[in-house]
Amino acid sequence: MAAISPSTWQKSTFSPDGSDCVYIAATSDGTVLLRESDEPQTILTTDPRQLGALIAGLRSPHDGSPE
């Protein structure tokens, strides 16, 4: 994977100023990269579909029962 420049990373608008920020970047092949400001060397990789499913799951009400 090619190195992603700092200017390519975008900070989440839900992240506060300072630490505890989530950053996202996309590679030329469509891979989505996620990192957290406290450990920028740790990068999670996913694709847009999987990231969308994660966000939808986090937004939906959940009663705690298994599906």
N, C-alpha and C. Protein backbone atom coordinates (compact mmCIF):
# COMPACT_ATOMS: atom_id res chain seq x y z
N MET A 1 0.86 -1.18 0.00
CA MET A 1 0.00 0.00 0.00
C MET A 1 0.90 1.23 0.00
N ALA A 2 0.57 2.17 -0.84
CA ALA A 2 1.34 3.40 -0.92
C ALA A 2 1.09 4.25 0.32
N ALA A 3 2.09 5.02 0.68
CA ALA A 3 1.95 5.91 1.84
C ALA A 3 0.91 6.98 1.53
N ILE A 4 0.13 7.30 2.52
CA ILE A 4 -0.89 8.35 2.39
C ILE A 4 -0.35 9.60 3.07
N SER A 5 -0.35 10.72 2.34
CA SER A 5 0.19 11.95 2.91
C SER A 5 -0.76 12.50 3.96
N PRO A 6 -0.22 13.26 4.91
CA PRO A 6 -1.07 13.83 5.97
C PRO A 6 -2.20 14.71 5.41
N SER A 7 -1.98 15.34 4.27
CA SER A 7 -3.02 16.20 3.71
C SER A 7 -4.17 15.40 3.11
N THR A 8 -3.97 14.10 2.90
CA THR A 8 -5.00 13.24 2.33
C THR A 8 -6.00 12.81 3.39
N TRP A 9 -5.56 12.70 4.64
CA TRP A 9 -6.44 12.27 5.73
C TRP A 9 -7.44 13.37 6.06
N GLN A 10 -8.68 12.99 6.28
CA GLN A 10 -9.72 13.93 6.68
C GLN A 10 -10.21 13.58 8.08
N LYS A 11 -10.29 14.59 8.94
CA LYS A 11 -10.76 14.37 10.30
C LYS A 11 -12.27 14.34 10.33
N SER A 12 -12.82 13.41 11.07
CA SER A 12 -14.27 13.32 11.22
C SER A 12 -14.80 14.62 11.83
N THR A 13 -15.94 15.07 11.32
CA THR A 13 -16.55 16.28 11.87
C THR A 13 -17.11 16.04 13.26
N PHE A 14 -17.24 14.78 13.67
CA PHE A 14 -17.73 14.45 15.01
C PHE A 14 -16.59 14.38 16.02
N SER A 15 -15.34 14.47 15.56
CA SER A 15 -14.19 14.41 16.46
C SER A 15 -13.94 15.78 17.08
N PRO A 16 -13.67 15.81 18.38
CA PRO A 16 -13.38 17.09 19.03
C PRO A 16 -11.98 17.56 18.66
N ASP A 17 -11.67 18.81 18.98
CA ASP A 17 -10.31 19.31 18.78
C ASP A 17 -9.39 18.59 19.75
N GLY A 18 -8.15 18.43 19.36
CA GLY A 18 -7.18 17.76 20.23
C GLY A 18 -7.10 16.29 19.94
N SER A 19 -7.06 15.47 20.98
CA SER A 19 -6.92 14.03 20.79
C SER A 19 -8.29 13.38 20.60
N ASP A 20 -8.29 12.07 20.51
CA ASP A 20 -9.51 11.28 20.30
C ASP A 20 -10.19 11.61 18.97
N CYS A 21 -9.40 11.81 17.93
CA CYS A 21 -9.94 12.13 16.62
C CYS A 21 -9.86 10.90 15.71
N VAL A 22 -10.85 10.75 14.87
CA VAL A 22 -10.88 9.68 13.88
C VAL A 22 -10.61 10.32 12.52
N TYR A 23 -9.70 9.71 11.76
CA TYR A 23 -9.35 10.20 10.43
C TYR A 23 -9.69 9.15 9.39
N ILE A 24 -10.03 9.59 8.19
CA ILE A 24 -10.37 8.69 7.10
C ILE A 24 -9.66 9.14 5.83
N ALA A 25 -9.28 8.18 5.01
CA ALA A 25 -8.65 8.48 3.71
C ALA A 25 -9.07 7.38 2.74
N ALA A 26 -8.99 7.68 1.46
CA ALA A 26 -9.31 6.70 0.43
C ALA A 26 -8.11 6.57 -0.50
N THR A 27 -7.81 5.35 -0.91
CA THR A 27 -6.72 5.11 -1.85
C THR A 27 -7.27 5.15 -3.27
N SER A 28 -6.37 5.14 -4.24
CA SER A 28 -6.78 5.21 -5.64
C SER A 28 -7.56 3.97 -6.08
N ASP A 29 -7.39 2.85 -5.38
CA ASP A 29 -8.13 1.64 -5.74
C ASP A 29 -9.46 1.51 -5.01
N GLY A 30 -9.85 2.54 -4.23
CA GLY A 30 -11.14 2.53 -3.55
C GLY A 30 -11.11 2.02 -2.12
N THR A 31 -9.96 1.58 -1.66
CA THR A 31 -9.84 1.13 -0.27
C THR A 31 -10.02 2.31 0.67
N VAL A 32 -10.74 2.10 1.76
CA VAL A 32 -10.96 3.14 2.76
C VAL A 32 -10.05 2.84 3.95
N LEU A 33 -9.34 3.85 4.41
CA LEU A 33 -8.42 3.73 5.54
C LEU A 33 -8.95 4.54 6.72
N LEU A 34 -8.85 3.98 7.90
CA LEU A 34 -9.28 4.65 9.13
C LEU A 34 -8.14 4.61 10.13
N ARG A 35 -7.96 5.69 10.86
CA ARG A 35 -6.97 5.71 11.95
C ARG A 35 -7.47 6.61 13.06
N GLU A 36 -6.88 6.44 14.22
CA GLU A 36 -7.24 7.22 15.41
C GLU A 36 -6.04 8.07 15.77
N SER A 37 -6.25 9.29 16.21
CA SER A 37 -5.14 10.23 16.42
C SER A 37 -4.15 9.77 17.49
N ASP A 38 -4.59 9.00 18.47
CA ASP A 38 -3.68 8.56 19.52
C ASP A 38 -2.72 7.47 19.05
N GLU A 39 -3.09 6.73 17.99
CA GLU A 39 -2.23 5.68 17.43
C GLU A 39 -2.26 5.76 15.91
N PRO A 40 -1.66 6.81 15.34
CA PRO A 40 -1.75 7.01 13.89
C PRO A 40 -1.06 5.92 13.07
N GLN A 41 -0.17 5.15 13.69
CA GLN A 41 0.50 4.07 12.97
C GLN A 41 -0.41 2.86 12.77
N THR A 42 -1.50 2.78 13.52
CA THR A 42 -2.47 1.68 13.38
C THR A 42 -3.54 2.13 12.40
N ILE A 43 -3.60 1.46 11.26
CA ILE A 43 -4.54 1.84 10.20
C ILE A 43 -5.43 0.65 9.87
N LEU A 44 -6.74 0.86 9.93
CA LEU A 44 -7.70 -0.16 9.55
C LEU A 44 -8.04 0.04 8.08
N THR A 45 -8.17 -1.05 7.34
CA THR A 45 -8.55 -0.96 5.94
C THR A 45 -9.90 -1.65 5.74
N THR A 46 -10.70 -1.07 4.86
CA THR A 46 -12.01 -1.62 4.54
C THR A 46 -12.40 -1.13 3.15
N ASP A 47 -13.62 -1.42 2.75
CA ASP A 47 -14.12 -0.88 1.49
C ASP A 47 -15.37 -0.06 1.80
N PRO A 48 -15.82 0.76 0.85
CA PRO A 48 -16.97 1.64 1.12
C PRO A 48 -18.22 0.89 1.56
N ARG A 49 -18.49 -0.28 0.98
CA ARG A 49 -19.69 -1.04 1.35
C ARG A 49 -19.62 -1.48 2.81
N GLN A 50 -18.49 -2.02 3.22
CA GLN A 50 -18.34 -2.48 4.61
C GLN A 50 -18.39 -1.31 5.59
N LEU A 51 -17.76 -0.20 5.23
CA LEU A 51 -17.81 0.98 6.10
C LEU A 51 -19.24 1.48 6.23
N GLY A 52 -19.98 1.50 5.11
CA GLY A 52 -21.38 1.92 5.15
C GLY A 52 -22.22 1.02 6.05
N ALA A 53 -21.96 -0.29 5.99
CA ALA A 53 -22.69 -1.23 6.84
C ALA A 53 -22.37 -0.99 8.32
N LEU A 54 -21.11 -0.71 8.62
CA LEU A 54 -20.72 -0.42 10.00
C LEU A 54 -21.42 0.84 10.50
N ILE A 55 -21.40 1.89 9.71
CA ILE A 55 -22.04 3.14 10.12
C ILE A 55 -23.54 2.95 10.29
N ALA A 56 -24.18 2.23 9.37
CA ALA A 56 -25.61 1.97 9.48
C ALA A 56 -25.92 1.19 10.76
N GLY A 57 -25.08 0.22 11.08
CA GLY A 57 -25.27 -0.56 12.29
C GLY A 57 -25.10 0.28 13.55
N LEU A 58 -24.16 1.20 13.52
CA LEU A 58 -23.94 2.06 14.69
C LEU A 58 -25.08 3.07 14.87
N ARG A 59 -25.68 3.47 13.77
CA ARG A 59 -26.76 4.45 13.83
C ARG A 59 -28.10 3.84 14.21
N SER A 60 -28.30 2.57 13.92
CA SER A 60 -29.60 1.96 14.15
C SER A 60 -29.77 1.59 15.62
N PRO A 61 -31.01 1.71 16.11
CA PRO A 61 -31.26 1.29 17.49
C PRO A 61 -31.04 -0.22 17.61
N HIS A 62 -30.48 -0.63 18.70
CA HIS A 62 -30.17 -2.04 18.89
C HIS A 62 -30.68 -2.45 20.25
N ASP A 63 -31.46 -3.53 20.29
CA ASP A 63 -32.03 -3.96 21.56
C ASP A 63 -31.15 -4.93 22.32
N GLY A 64 -29.99 -5.28 21.75
CA GLY A 64 -29.07 -6.17 22.45
C GLY A 64 -29.27 -7.63 22.15
N SER A 65 -30.35 -8.00 21.45
CA SER A 65 -30.58 -9.40 21.14
C SER A 65 -29.83 -9.79 19.87
N PRO A 66 -29.35 -11.02 19.80
CA PRO A 66 -28.63 -11.44 18.59
C PRO A 66 -29.60 -11.54 17.42
N GLU A 67 -29.08 -11.31 16.22
CA GLU A 67 -29.93 -11.40 15.02
C GLU A 67 -29.87 -12.78 14.44
